[in-house]
Amino acid sequence: MPSVEEIKRIRKMIWEKKPDLVISRVPKPTLERFKKLANDEFAGDYGMALKWCFDYSTLIYPSLIDIVSILNEHETRIAKLEGKPSQRKIRLLSGKVLEVNRNE
């Protein structure tokens, strides 16, 4: 049975350990872009690069949603006036192509 001092020492070691993060199933192009960002801007510090991505996205994302909504609405109106099909293709970072209705 460990002594009280030994338990306190082990507990202190556990609580002082820096947290780790493991992320799986990331598309290769996205992973390469993230690594490049981390190496170029944050001296290879993936934690700070992730923090920057998160902070940047939470500041910018609400505005982008509004802008995208307005642009989609204008695109739909123009497509109706020009008689163009109601489908458009979107290419994701992974290379996958999605077909989306303009009304969505």
N, C-alpha and C. Protein backbone atom coordinates (compact mmCIF):
# COMPACT_ATOMS: atom_id res chain seq x y z
N MET A 1 0.85 -1.18 0.00
CA MET A 1 0.00 0.00 0.00
C MET A 1 0.90 1.24 0.00
N PRO A 2 0.69 2.15 -0.99
CA PRO A 2 1.52 3.35 -1.05
C PRO A 2 1.22 4.30 0.11
N SER A 3 2.22 5.04 0.48
CA SER A 3 2.05 6.00 1.58
C SER A 3 1.29 7.22 1.08
N VAL A 4 0.83 8.03 2.04
CA VAL A 4 0.08 9.25 1.72
C VAL A 4 0.95 10.20 0.91
N GLU A 5 2.22 10.31 1.27
CA GLU A 5 3.13 11.20 0.54
C GLU A 5 3.32 10.74 -0.90
N GLU A 6 3.41 9.43 -1.09
CA GLU A 6 3.58 8.90 -2.43
C GLU A 6 2.33 9.14 -3.28
N ILE A 7 1.17 8.99 -2.68
CA ILE A 7 -0.09 9.25 -3.40
C ILE A 7 -0.16 10.73 -3.78
N LYS A 8 0.22 11.62 -2.86
CA LYS A 8 0.21 13.05 -3.16
C LYS A 8 1.18 13.39 -4.28
N ARG A 9 2.35 12.74 -4.29
CA ARG A 9 3.35 12.99 -5.32
C ARG A 9 2.83 12.52 -6.68
N ILE A 10 2.20 11.36 -6.71
CA ILE A 10 1.65 10.83 -7.96
C ILE A 10 0.51 11.72 -8.45
N ARG A 11 -0.36 12.13 -7.53
CA ARG A 11 -1.47 13.01 -7.90
C ARG A 11 -0.95 14.32 -8.48
N LYS A 12 0.10 14.88 -7.87
CA LYS A 12 0.68 16.12 -8.34
C LYS A 12 1.25 15.94 -9.75
N MET A 13 1.92 14.82 -10.00
CA MET A 13 2.47 14.54 -11.33
C MET A 13 1.36 14.46 -12.38
N ILE A 14 0.26 13.82 -12.03
CA ILE A 14 -0.85 13.67 -12.97
C ILE A 14 -1.48 15.02 -13.27
N TRP A 15 -1.74 15.83 -12.28
CA TRP A 15 -2.41 17.11 -12.49
C TRP A 15 -1.52 18.13 -13.19
N GLU A 16 -0.19 18.02 -13.02
CA GLU A 16 0.71 18.98 -13.66
C GLU A 16 1.04 18.61 -15.10
N LYS A 17 0.70 17.40 -15.52
CA LYS A 17 1.01 16.97 -16.88
C LYS A 17 0.19 17.80 -17.87
N LYS A 18 0.84 18.23 -18.94
CA LYS A 18 0.15 19.00 -19.97
C LYS A 18 -0.82 18.09 -20.71
N PRO A 19 -1.99 18.62 -21.05
CA PRO A 19 -2.96 17.79 -21.77
C PRO A 19 -2.49 17.51 -23.19
N ASP A 20 -2.83 16.34 -23.70
CA ASP A 20 -2.52 15.95 -25.07
C ASP A 20 -3.81 15.91 -25.87
N LEU A 21 -3.66 16.02 -27.16
CA LEU A 21 -4.80 15.95 -28.05
C LEU A 21 -4.40 15.11 -29.25
N VAL A 22 -5.21 14.12 -29.56
CA VAL A 22 -4.97 13.28 -30.73
C VAL A 22 -6.20 13.35 -31.61
N ILE A 23 -6.00 13.72 -32.86
CA ILE A 23 -7.11 13.82 -33.80
C ILE A 23 -6.84 12.85 -34.94
N SER A 24 -7.81 11.99 -35.21
CA SER A 24 -7.67 11.01 -36.29
C SER A 24 -8.62 11.36 -37.42
N ARG A 25 -8.44 10.66 -38.53
CA ARG A 25 -9.33 10.77 -39.70
C ARG A 25 -9.41 12.19 -40.25
N VAL A 26 -8.27 12.82 -40.42
CA VAL A 26 -8.20 14.14 -41.03
C VAL A 26 -7.78 13.95 -42.49
N PRO A 27 -8.49 14.52 -43.44
CA PRO A 27 -8.07 14.38 -44.83
C PRO A 27 -6.63 14.89 -45.02
N LYS A 28 -5.87 14.19 -45.86
CA LYS A 28 -4.46 14.51 -46.03
C LYS A 28 -4.21 15.96 -46.46
N PRO A 29 -4.99 16.51 -47.43
CA PRO A 29 -4.74 17.91 -47.80
C PRO A 29 -4.95 18.88 -46.63
N THR A 30 -5.95 18.60 -45.81
CA THR A 30 -6.22 19.46 -44.65
C THR A 30 -5.09 19.35 -43.64
N LEU A 31 -4.63 18.14 -43.40
CA LEU A 31 -3.52 17.92 -42.46
C LEU A 31 -2.27 18.63 -42.93
N GLU A 32 -1.97 18.54 -44.23
CA GLU A 32 -0.77 19.20 -44.77
C GLU A 32 -0.88 20.72 -44.65
N ARG A 33 -2.06 21.26 -44.92
CA ARG A 33 -2.25 22.72 -44.78
C ARG A 33 -2.10 23.16 -43.33
N PHE A 34 -2.63 22.34 -42.39
CA PHE A 34 -2.51 22.67 -40.97
C PHE A 34 -1.05 22.63 -40.53
N LYS A 35 -0.32 21.60 -40.95
CA LYS A 35 1.09 21.49 -40.59
C LYS A 35 1.89 22.66 -41.16
N LYS A 36 1.59 23.05 -42.40
CA LYS A 36 2.28 24.19 -43.01
C LYS A 36 1.99 25.47 -42.22
N LEU A 37 0.73 25.68 -41.85
CA LEU A 37 0.38 26.85 -41.04
C LEU A 37 1.14 26.84 -39.73
N ALA A 38 1.14 25.69 -39.05
CA ALA A 38 1.82 25.59 -37.76
C ALA A 38 3.32 25.85 -37.90
N ASN A 39 3.93 25.29 -38.93
CA ASN A 39 5.38 25.47 -39.11
C ASN A 39 5.72 26.90 -39.55
N ASP A 40 4.93 27.48 -40.44
CA ASP A 40 5.23 28.82 -40.95
C ASP A 40 4.93 29.92 -39.96
N GLU A 41 3.82 29.81 -39.25
CA GLU A 41 3.36 30.91 -38.40
C GLU A 41 3.59 30.71 -36.91
N PHE A 42 3.72 29.46 -36.46
CA PHE A 42 3.79 29.19 -35.02
C PHE A 42 4.98 28.32 -34.64
N ALA A 43 6.03 28.33 -35.45
CA ALA A 43 7.26 27.58 -35.17
C ALA A 43 6.99 26.11 -34.86
N GLY A 44 6.03 25.53 -35.57
CA GLY A 44 5.72 24.12 -35.39
C GLY A 44 4.86 23.80 -34.18
N ASP A 45 4.36 24.81 -33.49
CA ASP A 45 3.53 24.59 -32.29
C ASP A 45 2.08 24.33 -32.74
N TYR A 46 1.71 23.05 -32.80
CA TYR A 46 0.37 22.68 -33.26
C TYR A 46 -0.72 23.20 -32.33
N GLY A 47 -0.45 23.26 -31.05
CA GLY A 47 -1.43 23.74 -30.09
C GLY A 47 -1.81 25.19 -30.34
N MET A 48 -0.80 26.04 -30.56
CA MET A 48 -1.08 27.45 -30.83
C MET A 48 -1.73 27.63 -32.19
N ALA A 49 -1.35 26.80 -33.16
CA ALA A 49 -1.99 26.87 -34.48
C ALA A 49 -3.46 26.50 -34.37
N LEU A 50 -3.77 25.47 -33.59
CA LEU A 50 -5.17 25.07 -33.39
C LEU A 50 -5.95 26.18 -32.68
N LYS A 51 -5.33 26.78 -31.66
CA LYS A 51 -5.98 27.87 -30.94
C LYS A 51 -6.27 29.04 -31.89
N TRP A 52 -5.29 29.39 -32.75
CA TRP A 52 -5.49 30.47 -33.70
C TRP A 52 -6.65 30.15 -34.65
N CYS A 53 -6.68 28.91 -35.16
CA CYS A 53 -7.77 28.50 -36.07
C CYS A 53 -9.12 28.63 -35.38
N PHE A 54 -9.18 28.18 -34.15
CA PHE A 54 -10.44 28.24 -33.40
C PHE A 54 -10.84 29.68 -33.13
N ASP A 55 -9.90 30.48 -32.63
CA ASP A 55 -10.20 31.89 -32.33
C ASP A 55 -10.61 32.63 -33.59
N TYR A 56 -9.89 32.40 -34.68
CA TYR A 56 -10.19 33.08 -35.94
C TYR A 56 -11.56 32.69 -36.45
N SER A 57 -11.87 31.39 -36.38
CA SER A 57 -13.16 30.94 -36.91
C SER A 57 -14.33 31.46 -36.07
N THR A 58 -14.17 31.56 -34.76
CA THR A 58 -15.28 32.05 -33.93
C THR A 58 -15.48 33.55 -34.10
N LEU A 59 -14.43 34.27 -34.50
CA LEU A 59 -14.59 35.70 -34.76
C LEU A 59 -15.20 35.95 -36.13
N ILE A 60 -14.77 35.18 -37.11
CA ILE A 60 -15.14 35.41 -38.50
C ILE A 60 -16.41 34.67 -38.89
N TYR A 61 -16.63 33.48 -38.35
CA TYR A 61 -17.70 32.60 -38.81
C TYR A 61 -19.09 33.24 -38.83
N PRO A 62 -19.54 33.92 -37.76
CA PRO A 62 -20.89 34.52 -37.82
C PRO A 62 -21.05 35.50 -38.98
N SER A 63 -20.03 36.30 -39.25
CA SER A 63 -20.10 37.24 -40.37
C SER A 63 -20.13 36.49 -41.70
N LEU A 64 -19.35 35.42 -41.80
CA LEU A 64 -19.32 34.65 -43.04
C LEU A 64 -20.67 34.01 -43.34
N ILE A 65 -21.35 33.54 -42.30
CA ILE A 65 -22.67 32.93 -42.50
C ILE A 65 -23.62 33.95 -43.12
N ASP A 66 -23.60 35.18 -42.62
CA ASP A 66 -24.46 36.23 -43.17
C ASP A 66 -24.09 36.53 -44.62
N ILE A 67 -22.80 36.64 -44.89
CA ILE A 67 -22.35 36.95 -46.25
C ILE A 67 -22.73 35.83 -47.21
N VAL A 68 -22.49 34.58 -46.81
CA VAL A 68 -22.82 33.44 -47.67
C VAL A 68 -24.32 33.37 -47.93
N SER A 69 -25.10 33.64 -46.92
CA SER A 69 -26.56 33.63 -47.08
C SER A 69 -27.00 34.67 -48.11
N ILE A 70 -26.46 35.86 -48.02
CA ILE A 70 -26.80 36.94 -48.95
C ILE A 70 -26.34 36.57 -50.36
N LEU A 71 -25.13 36.05 -50.49
CA LEU A 71 -24.62 35.66 -51.81
C LEU A 71 -25.44 34.54 -52.42
N ASN A 72 -25.83 33.56 -51.62
CA ASN A 72 -26.66 32.46 -52.13
C ASN A 72 -28.01 32.98 -52.62
N GLU A 73 -28.57 33.91 -51.89
CA GLU A 73 -29.85 34.49 -52.30
C GLU A 73 -29.71 35.22 -53.64
N HIS A 74 -28.64 36.01 -53.79
CA HIS A 74 -28.41 36.71 -55.05
C HIS A 74 -28.13 35.73 -56.19
N GLU A 75 -27.37 34.70 -55.91
CA GLU A 75 -27.07 33.70 -56.93
C GLU A 75 -28.34 33.00 -57.41
N THR A 76 -29.23 32.69 -56.48
CA THR A 76 -30.50 32.04 -56.83
C THR A 76 -31.34 32.96 -57.71
N ARG A 77 -31.42 34.23 -57.35
CA ARG A 77 -32.20 35.19 -58.15
C ARG A 77 -31.64 35.34 -59.56
N ILE A 78 -30.32 35.44 -59.67
CA ILE A 78 -29.69 35.59 -60.98
C ILE A 78 -29.90 34.33 -61.81
N ALA A 79 -29.77 33.15 -61.19
CA ALA A 79 -29.97 31.89 -61.91
C ALA A 79 -31.39 31.80 -62.46
N LYS A 80 -32.38 32.25 -61.67
CA LYS A 80 -33.77 32.23 -62.15
C LYS A 80 -33.96 33.18 -63.31
N LEU A 81 -33.37 34.38 -63.23
CA LEU A 81 -33.50 35.36 -64.31
C LEU A 81 -32.83 34.88 -65.59
N GLU A 82 -31.72 34.20 -65.46
CA GLU A 82 -30.98 33.73 -66.63
C GLU A 82 -31.42 32.35 -67.09
N GLY A 83 -32.30 31.71 -66.33
CA GLY A 83 -32.79 30.38 -66.69
C GLY A 83 -31.73 29.29 -66.57
N LYS A 84 -30.79 29.45 -65.67
CA LYS A 84 -29.73 28.45 -65.47
C LYS A 84 -30.23 27.33 -64.57
N PRO A 85 -29.58 26.18 -64.62
CA PRO A 85 -29.99 25.06 -63.75
C PRO A 85 -29.87 25.42 -62.27
N SER A 86 -30.66 24.74 -61.47
CA SER A 86 -30.68 25.05 -60.04
C SER A 86 -29.64 24.25 -59.25
N GLN A 87 -28.71 23.59 -59.95
CA GLN A 87 -27.65 22.84 -59.28
C GLN A 87 -26.33 23.58 -59.43
N ARG A 88 -25.49 23.48 -58.41
CA ARG A 88 -24.13 23.97 -58.53
C ARG A 88 -23.20 23.00 -57.84
N LYS A 89 -21.95 23.00 -58.24
CA LYS A 89 -20.96 22.07 -57.69
C LYS A 89 -20.03 22.81 -56.75
N ILE A 90 -19.76 22.17 -55.61
CA ILE A 90 -18.84 22.73 -54.62
C ILE A 90 -17.74 21.70 -54.40
N ARG A 91 -16.48 22.14 -54.50
CA ARG A 91 -15.35 21.24 -54.24
C ARG A 91 -14.83 21.50 -52.83
N LEU A 92 -14.78 20.44 -52.00
CA LEU A 92 -14.30 20.54 -50.64
C LEU A 92 -12.77 20.43 -50.61
N LEU A 93 -12.16 20.77 -49.47
CA LEU A 93 -10.72 20.65 -49.33
C LEU A 93 -10.24 19.23 -49.59
N SER A 94 -11.06 18.25 -49.25
CA SER A 94 -10.69 16.85 -49.45
C SER A 94 -10.69 16.45 -50.91
N GLY A 95 -11.23 17.32 -51.79
CA GLY A 95 -11.32 17.02 -53.20
C GLY A 95 -12.69 16.50 -53.61
N LYS A 96 -13.52 16.17 -52.64
CA LYS A 96 -14.87 15.67 -52.92
C LYS A 96 -15.72 16.79 -53.52
N VAL A 97 -16.56 16.43 -54.49
CA VAL A 97 -17.42 17.41 -55.15
C VAL A 97 -18.86 17.15 -54.73
N LEU A 98 -19.52 18.20 -54.25
CA LEU A 98 -20.92 18.12 -53.85
C LEU A 98 -21.78 18.90 -54.84
N GLU A 99 -22.96 18.37 -55.15
CA GLU A 99 -23.91 19.11 -55.96
C GLU A 99 -25.00 19.63 -55.02
N VAL A 100 -25.25 20.93 -55.06
CA VAL A 100 -26.15 21.58 -54.13
C VAL A 100 -27.20 22.34 -54.91
N ASN A 101 -28.45 22.27 -54.45
CA ASN A 101 -29.51 23.09 -55.04
C ASN A 101 -29.28 24.53 -54.66
N ARG A 102 -29.52 25.43 -55.57
CA ARG A 102 -29.32 26.86 -55.30
C ARG A 102 -30.33 27.37 -54.27
N ASN A 103 -31.46 26.71 -54.14
CA ASN A 103 -32.48 27.18 -53.21
C ASN A 103 -32.16 26.81 -51.77
N GLU A 104 -31.13 26.00 -51.53
CA GLU A 104 -30.80 25.57 -50.17
C GLU A 104 -29.83 26.52 -49.53
